[in-house]
Each structure stands twice: as C-alpha cells, then as structure tokens.
Amino acid sequence: MDQIDRIRAFNRRYTRALGLLNRSYLDSGLTLTDVRVLHDIGLGDGAVTARDLCKGLGLDEGYVSRILTRFEKDDWIERLADLADARRRLLRLTQAGRARLAPLEAASRRGVAAQIAHLEPEDLEATLDALDVVADALAPEPPPARPDCRLRTLRPGDAGWIIQRHGEYYAEAEGFDSSFEALVARILSEFVASHDPAEERGWIAETPWGRRLGCIFCVRDDAETARLRLFFLEPDARGQKLGLRLLHACMEFARGVGYRRMVLWTHKSHEAACALYAANGFSCTRETPVHHFGHDLVEQNWEIEL
C-alpha cells in the first residue's frame, strides 16, 4: 500500500467509525453539513456571515444559502445588521436553534468519549498530539477564524488572570510600569464588588480546553452611555476574528440594555485595537498628550451611537 492509499484507507476507516456515511447525522434528520453550519453559527455568537461559513467549511455559496433559508424558516437562526457594513448580515442562533443544537453536541461528545474511554492517559495524549500533526499537515490553510473558541461571562479566577496578563503584556510590549497594572486591578475590583448584571457584563474568550485568550467589559457610564473597558486579546489569538466577536458581543449587550451610545478610552499606540474600533463605526472624538504609566503617550477617546 503506497502513501496515497494509506491516507485514503484512514479516511474510510475514520468516516465509518464516526458514522459520517449515514444519511442522517446521529439520527437527527439533519445531514452532517447541516449540523456543521448550525454548530459554526452557534460558536460565531453573532459575528459570523454566510461568506465566513462558505470559506470556513469549503462550501458553495448557493448550497449554504439554501441551508440558511431552511434554518430561518424553522426559526433556528436570525440575521442581524452589521454595524460596520450595512450590506452584510451576521448570523446568530435563536433560542430554538440553540435547543436544536444542544442535544446533538451532547451526543457527539458522548460518542467521542466512548471512543477514547479505553485509552490510558499517556496514550490519549499521544493520540491528541497525532491528531494535531495530521490536521496541520493536511489542512489546506489555517482557519480564517476561531469558531472553536467560546465567549462566556466571568468566573472566579478570571479577574486575577486579566490583571496578570494586562500587566505582563503591556510591560513587555509598551514598557508600561506597575501603575497600569494597578489601574486594571482597581477597575476589576470595582466591577466584581458592585456591578449590576442587568446593565454591566464582562466576557472571557477561551478555547474548548479552557485556555483564556481575551476579555472585554461593558460598564455603565450613565443611563444612556455604556463604557467599553479592558479589551484584551492574546497575541497568538489575533487576526482570527476573535477580537471582532468580543467587540460585537459587548456592543450587542449594550444595545440590548438600552444604552444609546458606547464610549471608550485608549492610547494611540494601540493601533490594532483602534483600527478595529474604526472599522466597526467608532469615531475618535479627542486626542490628548499625556504622561501615563511611565511614558509620554497620546490618550484617545472614542464613541459610537448605538
């Protein structure tokens, strides 16, 4: 058996083991492609478009359009206006869509758990490493986004991580002194102690195995104004639309609460974040030279009408 035949044999064996040859995925009445589309919309959490699905899943636009039309008819998805581009529509699962997907996700996890239950811990680690090698070798290109990552609200221990990573990253990347870390600690201390969950919220972006990749906060400035704070993304998670997902989650929450505008404070040196703000409809309303965190900086205020 030559190299090509070995890969083809592996493909046949694995697709059979996962039940991917069945017409209905997990006897759900849905195809595997249906479930993948539903799954990726759920993970996108309101930040994925039909074009993203086509590119990420390698599917024809017409085929995806027909699937989305069917999902919309079944009230599993809704289309949202993109604040940065009125021509684009973002996709999000409805409550009915989440209810349809949840048992399929649970059944899939149970199936994989049963497949690996016989492996000893060291064998399981070796298997996972081998899967990474195969995926990196055979995937035609890196995924255009991080649909595998989820956004969640804060849990115990998150505040410590946020303070630590802000302090470490900005000390290394921009030479900020410890006063910046102290500022982050004060902001978080106030939020954890006294925030109103109905009007204020923080999110953590994390991988399926629990590695934190980023955070963002929406806090109350006044009855009509929300303030975006502590937006951070790990360097190796950038350029994969995860920051966009965090930003959209924050803005959608603020809009749902009823805030009329969102404001934020940052520094001109944070070029990537400022470019993201501008691309999503924020305007820089003021620039002020300051001496902060041991450096001469240009402080910026940004704002958007919600």
Protein backbone atom coordinates (compact mmCIF):
# COMPACT_ATOMS: atom_id res chain seq x y z
CA MET A 1 0.00 0.00 0.00
CA ASP A 2 1.54 3.31 -1.07
CA GLN A 3 1.29 6.62 0.81
CA ILE A 4 -1.83 7.83 -1.02
CA ASP A 5 -3.66 4.57 -0.38
CA ARG A 6 -2.76 4.69 3.32
CA ILE A 7 -4.32 8.15 3.67
CA ARG A 8 -7.42 7.06 1.74
CA ALA A 9 -7.73 3.96 3.93
CA PHE A 10 -7.53 6.12 7.05
CA ASN A 11 -10.23 8.42 5.68
CA ARG A 12 -12.57 5.49 5.00
CA ARG A 13 -11.96 3.91 8.39
CA TYR A 14 -12.45 7.11 10.34
CA THR A 15 -15.56 8.32 8.49
CA ARG A 16 -17.12 4.91 9.10
CA ALA A 17 -16.18 4.98 12.79
CA LEU A 18 -17.81 8.40 13.24
CA GLY A 19 -20.97 7.40 11.41
CA LEU A 20 -20.40 10.09 8.79
CA LEU A 21 -21.62 7.84 5.98
CA ASN A 22 -25.15 7.79 7.37
CA ARG A 23 -27.65 9.98 5.58
CA SER A 24 -28.88 11.41 8.91
CA TYR A 25 -26.32 12.63 11.45
CA LEU A 26 -26.91 10.91 14.80
CA ASP A 27 -30.43 10.03 13.61
CA SER A 28 -31.35 13.70 13.86
CA GLY A 29 -32.92 14.12 10.44
CA LEU A 30 -30.10 16.58 9.61
CA THR A 31 -27.09 15.99 7.43
CA LEU A 32 -23.56 16.37 8.76
CA THR A 33 -23.26 19.61 6.77
CA ASP A 34 -26.45 20.94 8.36
CA VAL A 35 -25.06 20.28 11.81
CA ARG A 36 -21.67 21.83 10.99
CA VAL A 37 -23.35 25.00 9.75
CA LEU A 38 -25.57 25.16 12.84
CA HIS A 39 -22.54 24.48 15.06
CA ASP A 40 -20.38 27.22 13.49
CA ILE A 41 -23.18 29.79 13.69
CA GLY A 42 -23.53 28.97 17.37
CA LEU A 43 -19.82 29.37 18.02
CA GLY A 44 -19.74 32.58 16.00
CA ASP A 45 -22.18 34.11 18.50
CA GLY A 46 -23.48 36.80 16.17
CA ALA A 47 -20.16 37.55 14.46
CA VAL A 48 -20.24 35.11 11.52
CA THR A 49 -21.57 35.74 8.00
CA ALA A 50 -22.71 33.36 5.27
CA ARG A 51 -19.44 34.05 3.44
CA ASP A 52 -17.47 33.11 6.56
CA LEU A 53 -19.32 29.79 6.65
CA CYS A 54 -18.58 29.14 2.98
CA LYS A 55 -14.89 29.85 3.43
CA GLY A 56 -14.51 28.05 6.73
CA LEU A 57 -16.37 24.93 5.65
CA GLY A 58 -15.32 24.96 1.99
CA LEU A 59 -18.93 25.01 0.75
CA ASP A 60 -20.63 26.53 -2.27
CA GLU A 61 -22.43 29.83 -1.60
CA GLY A 62 -25.69 28.62 -3.15
CA TYR A 63 -25.65 25.45 -1.05
CA VAL A 64 -25.08 27.41 2.16
CA SER A 65 -27.78 29.90 1.18
CA ARG A 66 -30.33 27.10 0.85
CA ILE A 67 -29.37 25.69 4.24
CA LEU A 68 -29.68 29.11 5.87
CA THR A 69 -33.06 29.73 4.26
CA ARG A 70 -34.30 26.43 5.68
CA PHE A 71 -32.88 27.21 9.13
CA GLU A 72 -34.51 30.64 9.07
CA LYS A 73 -37.86 29.10 8.11
CA ASP A 74 -37.54 26.73 11.09
CA ASP A 75 -36.72 29.73 13.34
CA TRP A 76 -33.27 28.34 14.22
CA ILE A 77 -31.29 31.40 13.13
CA GLU A 78 -31.72 35.15 12.84
CA ARG A 79 -29.93 37.68 10.68
CA LEU A 80 -28.52 40.83 12.29
CA ALA A 81 -27.31 44.06 10.72
CA ASP A 82 -23.53 44.51 10.74
CA LEU A 83 -22.75 47.83 12.40
CA ALA A 84 -19.62 48.22 10.26
CA ASP A 85 -21.21 47.38 6.90
CA ALA A 86 -24.94 47.72 6.23
CA ARG A 87 -24.64 45.34 3.27
CA ARG A 88 -23.59 42.44 5.49
CA ARG A 89 -25.81 40.29 7.66
CA LEU A 90 -24.49 38.50 10.72
CA LEU A 91 -25.93 35.15 11.76
CA ARG A 92 -26.95 34.08 15.26
CA LEU A 93 -28.83 31.11 16.69
CA THR A 94 -32.25 31.75 18.13
CA GLN A 95 -33.37 30.06 21.34
CA ALA A 96 -34.99 27.36 19.20
CA GLY A 97 -31.74 26.94 17.27
CA ARG A 98 -29.72 26.53 20.45
CA ALA A 99 -32.25 23.99 21.70
CA ARG A 100 -31.93 22.05 18.42
CA LEU A 101 -28.14 22.04 18.50
CA ALA A 102 -27.58 21.26 22.20
CA PRO A 103 -28.59 17.56 22.20
CA LEU A 104 -26.58 16.93 19.04
CA GLU A 105 -23.49 18.47 20.62
CA ALA A 106 -24.01 16.37 23.75
CA ALA A 107 -24.49 13.17 21.74
CA SER A 108 -21.37 13.88 19.68
CA ARG A 109 -19.32 14.42 22.84
CA ARG A 110 -20.61 11.19 24.33
CA GLY A 111 -19.67 9.35 21.16
CA VAL A 112 -16.10 10.65 21.18
CA ALA A 113 -15.79 9.97 24.91
CA ALA A 114 -16.79 6.35 24.30
CA GLN A 115 -14.19 6.03 21.54
CA ILE A 116 -11.32 7.14 23.78
CA ALA A 117 -12.50 5.62 27.07
CA HIS A 118 -10.16 2.62 26.73
CA LEU A 119 -7.01 4.75 26.32
CA GLU A 120 -4.59 5.27 29.17
CA PRO A 121 -3.74 8.94 29.87
CA GLU A 122 -0.36 8.78 28.14
CA ASP A 123 -1.89 7.04 25.12
CA LEU A 124 -4.64 9.66 24.94
CA GLU A 125 -2.06 12.48 24.95
CA ALA A 126 -0.12 10.74 22.18
CA THR A 127 -3.34 10.35 20.17
CA LEU A 128 -4.21 14.03 20.57
CA ASP A 129 -0.70 15.04 19.51
CA ALA A 130 -1.01 12.81 16.45
CA LEU A 131 -4.34 14.42 15.56
CA ASP A 132 -2.68 17.83 15.68
CA VAL A 133 0.10 16.62 13.38
CA VAL A 134 -2.41 15.22 10.86
CA ALA A 135 -4.58 18.35 10.94
CA ASP A 136 -1.60 20.68 10.45
CA ALA A 137 -0.20 18.55 7.64
CA LEU A 138 -3.40 18.01 5.64
CA ALA A 139 -5.44 21.18 6.25
CA PRO A 140 -5.14 23.31 3.09
CA GLU A 141 -4.85 26.57 5.04
CA PRO A 142 -5.22 27.88 8.59
CA PRO A 143 -8.85 28.51 9.57
CA PRO A 144 -9.93 32.11 8.91
CA ALA A 145 -11.42 32.49 12.41
CA ARG A 146 -11.52 30.88 15.84
CA PRO A 147 -15.03 29.34 15.74
CA ASP A 148 -13.86 26.71 18.23
CA CYS A 149 -13.47 29.37 20.94
CA ARG A 150 -16.39 30.38 23.08
CA LEU A 151 -17.34 33.59 24.85
CA ARG A 152 -18.55 33.28 28.43
CA THR A 153 -19.21 35.51 31.42
CA LEU A 154 -16.77 35.84 34.29
CA ARG A 155 -15.99 33.07 36.75
CA PRO A 156 -13.86 33.02 39.92
CA GLY A 157 -10.19 33.35 38.99
CA ASP A 158 -10.77 35.34 35.81
CA ALA A 159 -10.04 38.70 37.45
CA GLY A 160 -6.60 37.55 38.53
CA TRP A 161 -5.78 36.38 35.01
CA ILE A 162 -6.98 39.68 33.49
CA ILE A 163 -4.80 41.72 35.84
CA GLN A 164 -1.78 39.48 35.31
CA ARG A 165 -1.97 39.42 31.50
CA HIS A 166 -2.56 43.17 31.20
CA GLY A 167 0.41 43.81 33.46
CA GLU A 168 2.71 41.32 31.74
CA TYR A 169 1.78 42.12 28.16
CA TYR A 170 1.88 45.91 28.33
CA ALA A 171 5.10 45.89 30.36
CA GLU A 172 6.76 43.82 27.64
CA ALA A 173 5.08 45.33 24.55
CA GLU A 174 4.98 49.01 25.54
CA GLY A 175 7.13 49.31 28.65
CA PHE A 176 4.25 50.35 30.92
CA ASP A 177 5.16 50.49 34.61
CA SER A 178 3.26 48.92 37.52
CA SER A 179 0.79 51.82 37.71
CA PHE A 180 -1.01 50.36 34.70
CA GLU A 181 -1.46 47.01 36.42
CA ALA A 182 -2.73 48.88 39.49
CA LEU A 183 -5.30 50.70 37.32
CA VAL A 184 -6.56 47.41 35.88
CA ALA A 185 -6.82 45.97 39.39
CA ARG A 186 -8.90 48.95 40.58
CA ILE A 187 -11.27 48.71 37.62
CA LEU A 188 -11.80 45.00 38.17
CA SER A 189 -12.17 45.35 41.94
CA GLU A 190 -14.98 47.88 41.45
CA PHE A 191 -16.66 45.73 38.81
CA VAL A 192 -16.57 42.49 40.81
CA ALA A 193 -17.74 44.20 44.00
CA SER A 194 -20.61 46.31 42.71
CA HIS A 195 -21.60 45.77 39.08
CA ASP A 196 -25.25 45.37 38.10
CA PRO A 197 -25.53 42.20 35.92
CA ALA A 198 -28.59 43.63 34.19
CA GLU A 199 -26.63 46.63 32.90
CA GLU A 200 -22.96 45.59 33.02
CA ARG A 201 -21.12 42.50 31.87
CA GLY A 202 -17.68 41.05 31.24
CA TRP A 203 -16.74 38.31 28.78
CA ILE A 204 -13.87 35.86 28.55
CA ALA A 205 -12.87 34.23 25.25
CA GLU A 206 -11.46 30.77 25.81
CA THR A 207 -10.59 27.60 23.94
CA PRO A 208 -12.59 24.37 24.40
CA TRP A 209 -9.87 23.14 26.77
CA GLY A 210 -10.10 26.23 28.97
CA ARG A 211 -7.21 28.45 27.89
CA ARG A 212 -8.19 32.11 28.23
CA LEU A 213 -7.49 34.16 25.11
CA GLY A 214 -9.12 37.51 25.73
CA CYS A 215 -11.62 39.66 27.57
CA ILE A 216 -13.87 42.70 27.25
CA PHE A 217 -16.21 44.61 29.57
CA CYS A 218 -19.31 46.75 29.20
CA VAL A 219 -19.91 49.05 32.20
CA ARG A 220 -22.40 51.82 32.91
CA ASP A 221 -21.26 55.42 32.48
CA ASP A 222 -24.73 56.91 32.84
CA ALA A 223 -28.31 55.99 31.95
CA GLU A 224 -27.65 56.44 28.21
CA THR A 225 -23.95 55.65 27.93
CA ALA A 226 -22.03 52.38 28.14
CA ARG A 227 -18.25 52.29 28.51
CA LEU A 228 -16.10 49.62 26.89
CA ARG A 229 -13.21 48.62 29.17
CA LEU A 230 -10.32 46.17 29.46
CA PHE A 231 -10.40 44.87 25.89
CA PHE A 232 -7.51 42.43 25.60
CA LEU A 233 -6.55 39.62 23.22
CA GLU A 234 -3.55 37.33 23.45
CA PRO A 235 -1.06 37.97 20.61
CA ASP A 236 -1.39 34.45 19.19
CA ALA A 237 -5.19 34.81 19.01
CA ARG A 238 -5.16 37.97 16.90
CA GLY A 239 -6.05 38.13 13.23
CA GLN A 240 -8.66 35.38 13.61
CA LYS A 241 -11.83 37.47 14.22
CA LEU A 242 -11.91 36.64 17.91
CA GLY A 243 -11.48 40.31 18.81
CA LEU A 244 -14.38 41.13 16.49
CA ARG A 245 -16.55 38.58 18.28
CA LEU A 246 -15.72 40.11 21.64
CA LEU A 247 -16.41 43.62 20.39
CA HIS A 248 -19.73 42.64 18.81
CA ALA A 249 -20.83 40.79 21.95
CA CYS A 250 -20.12 43.89 24.02
CA MET A 251 -21.94 46.22 21.63
CA GLU A 252 -24.95 43.93 21.25
CA PHE A 253 -25.28 43.67 25.02
CA ALA A 254 -25.15 47.46 25.37
CA ARG A 255 -27.78 47.86 22.68
CA GLY A 256 -30.00 45.25 24.35
CA VAL A 257 -29.75 47.05 27.69
CA GLY A 258 -30.93 50.24 26.01
CA TYR A 259 -27.79 52.36 26.06
CA ARG A 260 -27.80 54.97 23.30
CA ARG A 261 -24.03 55.25 22.89
CA MET A 262 -20.79 53.50 23.77
CA VAL A 263 -17.55 55.26 24.67
CA LEU A 264 -14.03 54.09 25.41
CA TRP A 265 -10.62 55.39 26.45
CA THR A 266 -7.38 54.10 24.97
CA HIS A 267 -3.99 55.21 23.66
CA LYS A 268 -2.95 55.94 20.08
CA SER A 269 -0.17 53.36 20.37
CA HIS A 270 -2.79 50.57 20.48
CA GLU A 271 -3.01 50.60 16.71
CA ALA A 272 -4.70 47.22 16.12
CA ALA A 273 -7.49 47.94 18.60
CA CYS A 274 -8.01 51.45 17.20
CA ALA A 275 -8.27 50.04 13.67
CA LEU A 276 -10.91 47.57 14.87
CA TYR A 277 -12.89 50.36 16.55
CA ALA A 278 -12.79 52.48 13.41
CA ALA A 279 -13.83 49.55 11.19
CA ASN A 280 -16.87 48.98 13.39
CA GLY A 281 -18.19 52.52 13.36
CA PHE A 282 -16.43 54.18 16.30
CA SER A 283 -15.08 57.70 15.88
CA CYS A 284 -12.11 59.19 17.71
CA THR A 285 -13.50 62.30 19.39
CA ARG A 286 -10.42 63.58 21.23
CA GLU A 287 -6.65 63.17 21.41
CA THR A 288 -4.65 64.44 24.38
CA PRO A 289 -0.87 64.20 25.01
CA VAL A 290 -0.33 62.72 28.48
CA HIS A 291 2.35 61.14 30.64
CA HIS A 292 0.91 57.81 31.80
CA PHE A 293 2.44 54.59 33.05
CA GLY A 294 5.98 55.95 32.83
CA HIS A 295 5.72 57.12 29.19
CA ASP A 296 4.65 60.06 27.05
CA LEU A 297 1.52 58.87 25.28
CA VAL A 298 -1.41 60.19 23.25
CA GLU A 299 -4.68 59.48 25.05
CA GLN A 300 -7.74 58.92 22.83
CA ASN A 301 -11.49 58.94 23.43
CA TRP A 302 -13.72 57.02 21.02
CA GLU A 303 -17.50 56.95 20.69
CA ILE A 304 -20.30 55.31 18.70
CA GLU A 305 -24.07 55.85 18.59
CA LEU A 306 -25.82 52.55 19.21
